[in-house]
Amino acid sequence: MKLNNFSARGTTVALRTADTAPTTAARIVPIAKGDDGLELPVTSLAPEGLLDALSSLGAKGGAGETLRLLIDGTVYLTTGLGNADDIDDEAVRRAYGVAARALGDIKEAAASCEFGTQAVVEGLLLGSYKYAGFKSENDNSPAIVTVVGADQDEFDRAVAVADSVNFSRDLVNTPAAFLYPEAYAGIVKDLAEEWKDEVDLTVEVISGDQLAQQGFGGIVAVGKGSKNGPQLVHVSYDGGGDKHIALVGKGITFDTGGISLKPSANMEDMISDMGGSAAQLGAIVAAAKLKLPVRVDAWLPMAENMPSGNATRPGDVITHYGGKTSEVLNTDAEGRLVLADAIARACEDNPNYLIEAATLTGAQLVALGARTTAVIGSDEFRDTVAEIGRGVGEPAWAMPLLEEQEEELKSPVADMRNVHNKRTGGTSFAGLYLSKFVPEDVEWVHLDIAGPAWNGGSPYGYVPARATGAPVRTIVETISRIAADQV
């Protein structure tokens, strides 16, 4: 599928289901580390003598360990689950993710589902993801993996969710020259049209003079420094039911910092500053594919934060959608400015829940590291979403709104200021700022994914280098539980 300038897509293994493994397929076999040495969990794909062969090779079964053996003409690829007493869905996802990357020249393989279908399928599809981008030479012939003994409902759900994660990864990995706001909005419209037989989505785009006329002062202020004008994209899915969920995602397609210019080192990674919007788009697509009985509206503010003679200056005052005003002390704290507009508009439709995601603050990495999402919001809902994130393998931790920062939020010339010009509590301050645009009767959560959305190192488990797709699975699981009255 080619959508506008969205022609460079990632690849994964191709999956199919069957009752037995093809005779010509390599076998993916999980192994574990037991108290008394190597353990071979029960699997239909392991031949007699495999355990002895692995032991003679020094296999331990540790997490991330892979070995390839040839026995009676069949290739066996073993993948370590780690300690046998600690095997859970996340261990399985990671093991099969590592195995998927280790397939190498193997073009046909089989995996069994003794540890559950969903974890195996997610591990294979997420771990095998590769993004070659615009390389002139690119091998686009992925392996075919037969999943043996799959529960079909679990299989279909896992594929839908993993595909949405990988779609989000594709968006984030796309260079900003191809994914600027207008092109991004066009991709969303084309997606809704091309997938209309599979997902029922409607798309509205607000752009140009309409943004200013309708009062979206934050989006206009951030985007006006670029020749590529800002957009506000509204994607809707209505699966019925009595619950209404609003999704908001930061869509800064490239962030130079504006007049408050960032250092040049690693600025190329700022293509990832639209990771929140990509996650929300992936989540609403997954909700539609799964036909969840809930109404979902995603609001995606898109802008390119550039320095120019027309850019917003430090000290400027802007008026947001709904009338609140902000003094802009730092133009590199632009995400909260566009999110404020989108949150205010989303809440105008009286949703029961608001879930917002953004690569928002460097302070998130300082506080929680590169892999753990900071979660702020309504106390009970915040704690629930953080627990859901940890449960699906996307680490998350609840963070507080700080009473003392209420005074720091005040501005002498506006309702609030966008930064507090301190090194302390930056993630909480950003959350406090956003909270001022959320009505008291809306259960809301803010997910700061500044670190988790982008892996600047080597692949690990089922997470590739570059775009990770976080926190799509957390959001989809949260929507699913809301739809099932489990939140």
Protein backbone atom coordinates (compact mmCIF):
# COMPACT_ATOMS: atom_id res chain seq x y z
CA MET A 1 0.00 0.00 0.00
CA LYS A 2 1.35 3.43 -0.94
CA LEU A 3 -0.13 6.50 0.69
CA ASN A 4 1.08 9.87 -0.65
CA ASN A 5 4.81 10.12 0.27
CA PHE A 6 4.44 7.15 2.59
CA SER A 7 5.99 4.66 0.18
CA ALA A 8 8.85 3.42 2.39
CA ARG A 9 7.36 0.89 4.78
CA GLY A 10 8.77 -1.54 7.26
CA THR A 11 8.66 -5.30 6.69
CA THR A 12 7.84 -8.20 9.01
CA VAL A 13 7.52 -11.94 8.77
CA ALA A 14 4.32 -13.14 7.12
CA LEU A 15 2.16 -15.31 9.37
CA ARG A 16 -0.29 -18.09 8.64
CA THR A 17 -1.94 -20.70 10.82
CA ALA A 18 -2.03 -24.49 10.49
CA ASP A 19 -2.58 -27.60 12.56
CA THR A 20 0.89 -28.96 11.77
CA ALA A 21 4.21 -27.51 10.73
CA PRO A 22 5.23 -27.76 7.06
CA THR A 23 7.85 -30.47 6.57
CA THR A 24 10.23 -28.00 4.90
CA ALA A 25 9.99 -25.33 7.62
CA ALA A 26 12.61 -24.58 10.23
CA ARG A 27 11.33 -25.01 13.79
CA ILE A 28 11.43 -22.22 16.40
CA VAL A 29 11.79 -23.91 19.79
CA PRO A 30 11.74 -22.10 23.17
CA ILE A 31 14.15 -23.19 25.89
CA ALA A 32 14.50 -22.07 29.51
CA LYS A 33 16.99 -21.85 32.34
CA GLY A 34 16.04 -24.19 35.18
CA ASP A 35 17.41 -24.69 38.67
CA ASP A 36 19.20 -27.86 37.55
CA GLY A 37 20.27 -26.70 34.11
CA LEU A 38 18.73 -26.31 30.69
CA GLU A 39 15.00 -27.05 30.34
CA LEU A 40 13.04 -27.78 27.20
CA PRO A 41 9.38 -26.76 27.70
CA VAL A 42 6.75 -29.01 26.20
CA THR A 43 6.44 -28.25 22.49
CA SER A 44 5.24 -30.20 19.50
CA LEU A 45 8.17 -28.94 17.43
CA ALA A 46 11.10 -30.35 19.43
CA PRO A 47 12.68 -33.62 18.21
CA GLU A 48 14.05 -36.36 20.42
CA GLY A 49 17.62 -35.64 21.45
CA LEU A 50 17.37 -31.84 21.12
CA LEU A 51 17.95 -31.21 24.82
CA ASP A 52 21.12 -33.32 24.86
CA ALA A 53 22.40 -31.62 21.71
CA LEU A 54 21.81 -28.17 23.19
CA SER A 55 23.48 -29.11 26.48
CA SER A 56 26.55 -30.32 24.63
CA LEU A 57 26.74 -26.93 22.91
CA GLY A 58 26.61 -25.08 26.24
CA ALA A 59 23.12 -23.64 25.85
CA LYS A 60 21.79 -22.04 29.04
CA GLY A 61 18.28 -20.91 28.04
CA GLY A 62 18.90 -17.35 29.13
CA ALA A 63 16.81 -14.50 27.78
CA GLY A 64 18.05 -13.37 24.38
CA GLU A 65 20.05 -16.57 23.70
CA THR A 66 19.58 -18.19 20.28
CA LEU A 67 21.17 -21.25 18.71
CA ARG A 68 20.71 -22.87 15.33
CA LEU A 69 21.02 -26.65 14.89
CA LEU A 70 20.56 -29.05 12.00
CA ILE A 71 19.04 -32.38 13.02
CA ASP A 72 18.04 -34.99 10.43
CA GLY A 73 17.87 -32.34 7.73
CA THR A 74 15.64 -29.95 9.69
CA VAL A 75 16.82 -26.59 11.05
CA TYR A 76 15.96 -25.85 14.70
CA LEU A 77 16.24 -22.29 15.99
CA THR A 78 16.10 -22.19 19.78
CA THR A 79 15.27 -19.03 21.70
CA GLY A 80 15.81 -18.44 25.40
CA LEU A 81 12.90 -17.63 27.72
CA GLY A 82 15.09 -16.93 30.75
CA ASN A 83 14.41 -18.43 34.18
CA ALA A 84 11.84 -21.20 33.99
CA ASP A 85 10.07 -19.95 37.13
CA ASP A 86 9.61 -16.47 35.66
CA ILE A 87 8.05 -17.28 32.30
CA ASP A 88 5.15 -14.96 31.53
CA ASP A 89 3.66 -13.33 28.42
CA GLU A 90 6.39 -10.71 28.31
CA ALA A 91 9.15 -13.31 28.45
CA VAL A 92 7.46 -15.16 25.58
CA ARG A 93 7.04 -11.99 23.52
CA ARG A 94 10.70 -11.13 23.99
CA ALA A 95 11.93 -14.65 23.18
CA TYR A 96 9.94 -14.87 19.96
CA GLY A 97 10.93 -11.32 19.04
CA VAL A 98 14.60 -12.27 19.34
CA ALA A 99 13.93 -15.45 17.35
CA ALA A 100 12.23 -13.49 14.57
CA ARG A 101 15.31 -11.29 14.17
CA ALA A 102 17.58 -14.36 14.24
CA LEU A 103 15.86 -16.06 11.28
CA GLY A 104 18.40 -14.51 8.92
CA ASP A 105 18.42 -16.48 5.67
CA ILE A 106 15.62 -18.80 6.83
CA LYS A 107 12.61 -18.09 4.63
CA GLU A 108 10.18 -20.64 6.04
CA ALA A 109 9.67 -21.43 9.72
CA ALA A 110 7.12 -22.71 12.20
CA ALA A 111 6.28 -21.76 15.78
CA SER A 112 3.88 -23.42 18.23
CA CYS A 113 1.54 -21.87 20.79
CA GLU A 114 2.00 -23.81 24.01
CA PHE A 115 2.64 -20.49 25.78
CA GLY A 116 -0.42 -18.80 24.29
CA THR A 117 -1.16 -17.45 20.85
CA GLN A 118 -1.15 -13.71 21.49
CA ALA A 119 2.33 -13.44 23.02
CA VAL A 120 3.89 -15.63 20.33
CA VAL A 121 2.25 -13.72 17.46
CA GLU A 122 3.05 -10.30 18.91
CA GLY A 123 6.65 -11.33 19.50
CA LEU A 124 7.06 -12.54 15.93
CA LEU A 125 5.42 -9.56 14.23
CA LEU A 126 6.92 -6.88 16.46
CA GLY A 127 10.37 -8.43 16.71
CA SER A 128 10.78 -9.06 12.98
CA TYR A 129 10.01 -5.44 12.02
CA LYS A 130 12.70 -3.88 9.83
CA TYR A 131 12.70 -0.39 8.34
CA ALA A 132 15.08 0.00 5.40
CA GLY A 133 13.67 3.39 4.42
CA PHE A 134 14.99 4.61 1.10
CA LYS A 135 18.01 2.33 0.66
CA SER A 136 18.71 1.60 -3.00
CA GLU A 137 19.20 -2.11 -2.24
CA ASN A 138 16.61 -3.66 0.02
CA ASP A 139 15.58 -7.28 0.50
CA ASN A 140 11.79 -7.16 0.81
CA SER A 141 11.21 -10.92 0.91
CA PRO A 142 10.34 -11.66 4.55
CA ALA A 143 10.14 -15.16 5.97
CA ILE A 144 6.83 -17.02 6.17
CA VAL A 145 6.12 -18.37 9.64
CA THR A 146 3.41 -20.97 10.24
CA VAL A 147 1.84 -20.66 13.69
CA VAL A 148 0.83 -24.15 14.79
CA GLY A 149 -2.12 -24.74 17.12
CA ALA A 150 -3.21 -21.11 17.27
CA ASP A 151 -6.44 -19.91 18.86
CA GLN A 152 -7.91 -18.06 15.88
CA ASP A 153 -9.56 -15.26 17.87
CA GLU A 154 -6.34 -14.59 19.78
CA PHE A 155 -4.37 -14.78 16.54
CA ASP A 156 -6.60 -12.23 14.79
CA ARG A 157 -6.49 -9.83 17.72
CA ALA A 158 -2.72 -10.09 18.05
CA VAL A 159 -2.23 -9.46 14.34
CA ALA A 160 -4.53 -6.41 14.42
CA VAL A 161 -2.70 -4.88 17.37
CA ALA A 162 0.80 -5.69 16.12
CA ASP A 163 -0.01 -4.34 12.66
CA SER A 164 -1.11 -1.07 14.27
CA VAL A 165 2.10 -0.87 16.29
CA ASN A 166 4.15 -1.41 13.14
CA PHE A 167 2.08 1.16 11.25
CA SER A 168 2.86 3.65 13.99
CA ARG A 169 6.55 2.74 13.68
CA ASP A 170 6.40 3.38 9.94
CA LEU A 171 4.99 6.86 10.49
CA VAL A 172 7.61 7.80 13.07
CA ASN A 173 10.47 6.42 10.98
CA THR A 174 9.49 8.44 7.91
CA PRO A 175 11.80 11.45 7.30
CA ALA A 176 10.24 14.87 7.86
CA ALA A 177 10.76 15.85 4.22
CA PHE A 178 8.11 13.24 3.40
CA LEU A 179 6.00 13.53 6.55
CA TYR A 180 5.29 17.24 6.99
CA PRO A 181 1.87 18.30 8.33
CA GLU A 182 -0.04 18.49 5.04
CA ALA A 183 1.44 15.19 3.81
CA TYR A 184 0.70 13.57 7.18
CA ALA A 185 -2.93 14.70 7.03
CA GLY A 186 -3.14 13.34 3.48
CA ILE A 187 -1.82 9.98 4.62
CA VAL A 188 -4.56 9.76 7.24
CA LYS A 189 -7.26 10.58 4.68
CA ASP A 190 -5.86 8.08 2.20
CA LEU A 191 -5.61 5.44 4.91
CA ALA A 192 -9.30 5.80 5.77
CA GLU A 193 -10.19 5.45 2.10
CA GLU A 194 -7.90 2.52 1.32
CA TRP A 195 -8.88 0.60 4.44
CA LYS A 196 -12.61 1.36 4.20
CA ASP A 197 -13.53 -2.31 3.72
CA GLU A 198 -11.65 -3.23 6.90
CA VAL A 199 -12.02 -0.22 9.19
CA ASP A 200 -14.85 2.31 9.43
CA LEU A 201 -13.16 5.65 10.05
CA THR A 202 -14.13 9.19 9.17
CA VAL A 203 -11.52 11.94 8.80
CA GLU A 204 -11.84 15.71 9.06
CA VAL A 205 -8.91 18.07 8.46
CA ILE A 206 -8.81 21.67 9.71
CA SER A 207 -6.03 23.72 8.13
CA GLY A 208 -5.00 27.11 6.80
CA ASP A 209 -7.13 30.09 7.79
CA GLN A 210 -9.69 27.77 9.38
CA LEU A 211 -7.35 27.08 12.29
CA ALA A 212 -7.09 30.76 13.19
CA GLN A 213 -10.76 31.46 12.51
CA GLN A 214 -11.83 28.64 14.81
CA GLY A 215 -9.47 29.77 17.57
CA PHE A 216 -6.68 27.18 17.52
CA GLY A 217 -4.07 29.71 18.59
CA GLY A 218 -1.59 27.21 20.00
CA ILE A 219 -1.41 25.15 16.80
CA VAL A 220 -1.11 28.29 14.68
CA ALA A 221 1.61 29.75 16.92
CA VAL A 222 3.79 26.65 16.74
CA GLY A 223 3.33 26.05 13.03
CA LYS A 224 3.63 29.56 11.64
CA GLY A 225 7.43 29.53 11.55
CA SER A 226 7.40 26.87 8.81
CA LYS A 227 6.45 27.06 5.15
CA ASN A 228 4.59 23.79 5.80
CA GLY A 229 1.40 24.96 7.46
CA PRO A 230 -0.10 23.24 10.53
CA GLN A 231 -3.10 20.91 10.47
CA LEU A 232 -5.58 19.53 12.98
CA VAL A 233 -6.76 16.05 12.00
CA HIS A 234 -9.89 14.56 13.57
CA VAL A 235 -10.36 10.79 13.13
CA SER A 236 -13.58 9.16 14.34
CA TYR A 237 -14.68 5.58 14.96
CA ASP A 238 -18.11 4.73 16.32
CA GLY A 239 -18.57 1.15 17.42
CA GLY A 240 -21.65 1.89 19.47
CA GLY A 241 -21.92 1.42 23.19
CA ASP A 242 -22.35 4.13 25.80
CA LYS A 243 -18.66 5.01 26.36
CA HIS A 244 -16.92 7.85 24.55
CA ILE A 245 -13.12 8.08 24.52
CA ALA A 246 -11.10 11.03 23.23
CA LEU A 247 -7.54 10.44 22.07
CA VAL A 248 -5.09 13.32 21.63
CA GLY A 249 -1.57 12.91 20.24
CA LYS A 250 1.27 15.35 19.67
CA GLY A 251 2.12 15.59 15.98
CA ILE A 252 5.20 17.78 15.68
CA THR A 253 6.59 16.37 12.43
CA PHE A 254 9.98 17.99 13.07
CA ASP A 255 11.14 19.95 16.08
CA THR A 256 14.07 22.34 15.79
CA GLY A 257 12.98 24.07 18.98
CA GLY A 258 11.92 27.14 17.02
CA ILE A 259 13.54 30.40 18.13
CA SER A 260 14.67 28.54 21.30
CA LEU A 261 16.82 26.43 18.99
CA LYS A 262 17.90 22.95 20.06
CA PRO A 263 21.58 21.86 19.96
CA SER A 264 22.45 20.30 16.61
CA ALA A 265 23.68 16.97 18.05
CA ASN A 266 21.10 14.24 17.39
CA MET A 267 18.53 16.72 16.11
CA GLU A 268 17.81 14.22 13.32
CA ASP A 269 15.96 12.13 15.91
CA MET A 270 13.34 14.88 16.13
CA ILE A 271 11.44 13.20 13.32
CA SER A 272 10.08 11.20 16.25
CA ASP A 273 8.33 14.19 17.84
CA MET A 274 5.07 13.12 16.23
CA GLY A 275 5.19 9.75 18.02
CA GLY A 276 2.16 10.54 20.17
CA SER A 277 -0.05 11.20 17.16
CA ALA A 278 1.25 8.07 15.41
CA ALA A 279 0.40 6.00 18.50
CA GLN A 280 -3.12 7.42 18.68
CA LEU A 281 -3.66 6.79 14.99
CA GLY A 282 -2.48 3.22 15.39
CA ALA A 283 -4.74 2.79 18.42
CA ILE A 284 -7.91 4.02 16.74
CA VAL A 285 -7.20 1.83 13.70
CA ALA A 286 -6.81 -1.18 16.01
CA ALA A 287 -10.05 -0.31 17.83
CA ALA A 288 -11.86 -0.21 14.50
CA LYS A 289 -10.30 -3.48 13.30
CA LEU A 290 -11.33 -5.15 16.56
CA LYS A 291 -14.80 -3.61 16.27
CA LEU A 292 -14.74 -2.54 19.91
CA PRO A 293 -18.18 -1.37 21.12
CA VAL A 294 -17.14 2.18 21.98
CA ARG A 295 -16.96 5.61 20.37
CA VAL A 296 -13.45 6.96 19.81
CA ASP A 297 -12.43 10.40 18.55
CA ALA A 298 -8.75 11.08 17.90
CA TRP A 299 -7.53 14.67 17.66
CA LEU A 300 -4.07 14.98 16.11
CA PRO A 301 -2.51 18.48 16.05
CA MET A 302 0.25 18.55 13.42
CA ALA A 303 2.89 21.26 13.02
CA GLU A 304 6.54 21.75 12.12
CA ASN A 305 8.41 23.79 14.73
CA MET A 306 10.87 25.92 12.77
CA PRO A 307 12.74 29.21 13.32
CA SER A 308 11.99 32.00 10.85
CA GLY A 309 11.03 35.66 10.66
CA ASN A 310 7.44 34.57 11.17
CA ALA A 311 8.05 32.22 14.11
CA THR A 312 6.63 32.70 17.58
CA ARG A 313 9.06 34.51 19.90
CA PRO A 314 9.79 33.93 23.59
CA GLY A 315 7.58 36.36 25.46
CA ASP A 316 4.68 36.17 23.01
CA VAL A 317 1.17 35.59 24.37
CA ILE A 318 -1.19 33.25 22.51
CA THR A 319 -4.88 32.46 22.88
CA HIS A 320 -5.89 28.81 22.85
CA TYR A 321 -9.06 27.15 21.68
CA GLY A 322 -11.65 27.96 24.33
CA GLY A 323 -10.08 31.27 25.35
CA LYS A 324 -7.28 30.47 27.82
CA THR A 325 -4.02 32.34 27.21
CA SER A 326 -0.38 31.28 27.50
CA GLU A 327 2.83 33.25 27.75
CA VAL A 328 5.44 31.42 25.67
CA LEU A 329 8.72 31.57 27.56
CA ASN A 330 10.36 28.78 25.57
CA THR A 331 9.38 27.90 22.00
CA ASP A 332 10.92 24.44 22.46
CA ALA A 333 8.10 23.63 24.88
CA GLU A 334 5.79 23.66 21.87
CA GLY A 335 4.11 20.29 22.27
CA ARG A 336 1.97 21.40 25.16
CA LEU A 337 0.81 24.42 23.15
CA VAL A 338 -0.66 22.32 20.33
CA LEU A 339 -1.96 19.70 22.76
CA ALA A 340 -3.80 22.36 24.77
CA ASP A 341 -5.85 23.32 21.72
CA ALA A 342 -6.60 19.71 20.82
CA ILE A 343 -7.52 18.77 24.39
CA ALA A 344 -9.86 21.72 24.71
CA ARG A 345 -11.58 20.82 21.44
CA ALA A 346 -11.78 17.11 22.27
CA CYS A 347 -13.38 17.85 25.65
CA GLU A 348 -16.01 20.03 24.01
CA ASP A 349 -17.71 16.78 22.93
CA ASN A 350 -17.98 15.59 26.56
CA PRO A 351 -16.01 12.32 26.41
CA ASN A 352 -16.01 10.00 29.40
CA TYR A 353 -12.26 9.46 29.09
CA LEU A 354 -9.36 11.39 27.59
CA ILE A 355 -6.08 9.64 26.75
CA GLU A 356 -3.27 11.90 25.54
CA ALA A 357 0.20 10.83 24.39
CA ALA A 358 3.23 12.94 23.56
CA THR A 359 7.00 12.91 23.27
CA LEU A 360 6.81 15.86 25.61
CA THR A 361 9.72 16.40 28.02
CA GLY A 362 13.38 15.56 28.33
CA ALA A 363 12.62 15.50 32.05
CA GLN A 364 10.78 12.20 31.51
CA LEU A 365 14.06 10.55 30.50
CA VAL A 366 15.85 12.07 33.48
CA ALA A 367 13.19 10.80 35.88
CA LEU A 368 12.35 7.38 34.43
CA GLY A 369 14.90 6.53 31.78
CA ALA A 370 14.50 5.73 28.11
CA ARG A 371 11.95 2.92 28.32
CA THR A 372 9.40 3.85 31.00
CA THR A 373 6.43 6.10 30.21
CA ALA A 374 5.50 8.82 32.70
CA VAL A 375 1.77 8.72 33.45
CA ILE A 376 -0.06 11.74 34.86
CA GLY A 377 -3.77 12.44 35.26
CA SER A 378 -6.87 11.59 37.27
CA ASP A 379 -5.56 9.56 40.20
CA GLU A 380 -7.45 6.29 39.75
CA PHE A 381 -7.43 6.29 35.94
CA ARG A 382 -3.73 7.25 35.94
CA ASP A 383 -2.85 4.30 38.17
CA THR A 384 -4.98 1.93 36.10
CA VAL A 385 -3.34 2.94 32.82
CA ALA A 386 0.14 2.69 34.31
CA GLU A 387 -0.67 -0.85 35.48
CA ILE A 388 -2.07 -1.73 32.05
CA GLY A 389 1.13 -0.49 30.42
CA ARG A 390 3.28 -2.68 32.62
CA GLY A 391 0.97 -5.61 31.99
CA VAL A 392 1.31 -5.46 28.20
CA GLY A 393 5.07 -4.99 28.31
CA GLU A 394 5.21 -1.21 27.86
CA PRO A 395 6.74 -0.04 31.18
CA ALA A 396 4.86 2.87 32.75
CA TRP A 397 4.91 4.66 36.08
CA ALA A 398 2.48 7.08 37.72
CA MET A 399 3.77 10.59 38.37
CA PRO A 400 2.14 13.30 40.52
CA LEU A 401 0.80 16.74 39.86
CA LEU A 402 2.68 18.98 42.29
CA GLU A 403 0.86 21.52 44.45
CA GLU A 404 3.86 23.86 44.63
CA GLN A 405 3.95 24.18 40.85
CA GLU A 406 0.57 25.94 40.79
CA GLU A 407 2.39 29.14 41.73
CA GLU A 408 5.12 28.47 39.17
CA LEU A 409 2.48 28.13 36.44
CA LYS A 410 1.27 31.71 36.88
CA SER A 411 2.20 34.42 34.37
CA PRO A 412 2.08 38.20 34.89
CA VAL A 413 0.61 38.73 31.40
CA ALA A 414 -1.43 35.58 30.64
CA ASP A 415 -3.45 32.83 32.32
CA MET A 416 -0.33 30.66 32.50
CA ARG A 417 3.16 30.24 31.13
CA ASN A 418 4.40 27.26 29.19
CA VAL A 419 7.55 26.54 31.25
CA HIS A 420 8.70 27.26 34.79
CA ASN A 421 12.37 27.77 33.88
CA LYS A 422 13.58 25.29 36.50
CA ARG A 423 15.43 21.98 36.33
CA THR A 424 13.05 20.38 38.81
CA GLY A 425 9.83 18.50 38.06
CA GLY A 426 9.65 19.27 34.35
CA THR A 427 7.42 16.31 33.52
CA SER A 428 4.96 17.13 36.29
CA PHE A 429 4.91 20.80 35.31
CA ALA A 430 3.98 19.89 31.73
CA GLY A 431 1.20 17.66 33.06
CA LEU A 432 -0.07 20.45 35.31
CA TYR A 433 -0.15 22.82 32.35
CA LEU A 434 -2.19 20.35 30.28
CA SER A 435 -4.55 19.66 33.20
CA LYS A 436 -5.84 23.25 32.95
CA PHE A 437 -7.52 22.37 29.65
CA VAL A 438 -9.30 19.25 30.95
CA PRO A 439 -12.75 19.65 32.59
CA GLU A 440 -13.05 18.21 36.10
CA ASP A 441 -15.66 15.64 35.06
CA VAL A 442 -13.42 13.97 32.44
CA GLU A 443 -11.24 11.04 33.47
CA TRP A 444 -7.94 11.77 31.77
CA VAL A 445 -4.40 10.54 31.44
CA HIS A 446 -1.27 12.05 29.92
CA LEU A 447 1.43 9.66 28.65
CA ASP A 448 4.86 11.23 28.29
CA ILE A 449 6.73 8.95 25.87
CA ALA A 450 9.76 11.14 25.13
CA GLY A 451 12.05 8.16 25.75
CA PRO A 452 9.87 5.10 25.08
CA ALA A 453 8.78 6.18 21.57
CA TRP A 454 12.34 6.10 20.16
CA ASN A 455 15.11 3.55 20.63
CA GLY A 456 18.40 5.22 19.78
CA GLY A 457 20.36 2.05 20.53
CA SER A 458 20.32 -1.55 19.36
CA PRO A 459 17.22 -3.76 19.09
CA TYR A 460 16.21 -5.70 22.19
CA GLY A 461 13.48 -8.26 22.80
CA TYR A 462 10.79 -7.41 20.27
CA VAL A 463 11.73 -3.71 20.12
CA PRO A 464 13.60 -2.53 17.00
CA ALA A 465 16.03 0.34 16.68
CA ARG A 466 14.46 3.76 16.01
CA ALA A 467 10.66 3.94 16.29
CA THR A 468 9.21 1.55 18.90
CA GLY A 469 5.45 2.03 18.47
CA ALA A 470 4.95 2.77 22.17
CA PRO A 471 2.39 3.14 23.69
CA VAL A 472 -0.07 1.73 21.10
CA ARG A 473 -0.64 -1.53 22.98
CA THR A 474 -1.26 0.28 26.26
CA ILE A 475 -3.87 2.52 24.64
CA VAL A 476 -5.60 -0.33 22.78
CA GLU A 477 -5.81 -2.42 25.95
CA THR A 478 -7.18 0.56 27.87
CA ILE A 479 -9.85 1.17 25.21
CA SER A 480 -10.71 -2.53 25.25
CA ARG A 481 -11.18 -2.55 29.02
CA ILE A 482 -13.28 0.61 28.95
CA ALA A 483 -15.49 -0.97 26.27
CA ALA A 484 -15.86 -4.08 28.46
CA ASP A 485 -16.66 -2.02 31.60
CA GLN A 486 -13.44 -3.19 33.24
CA VAL A 487 -12.12 0.30 34.08
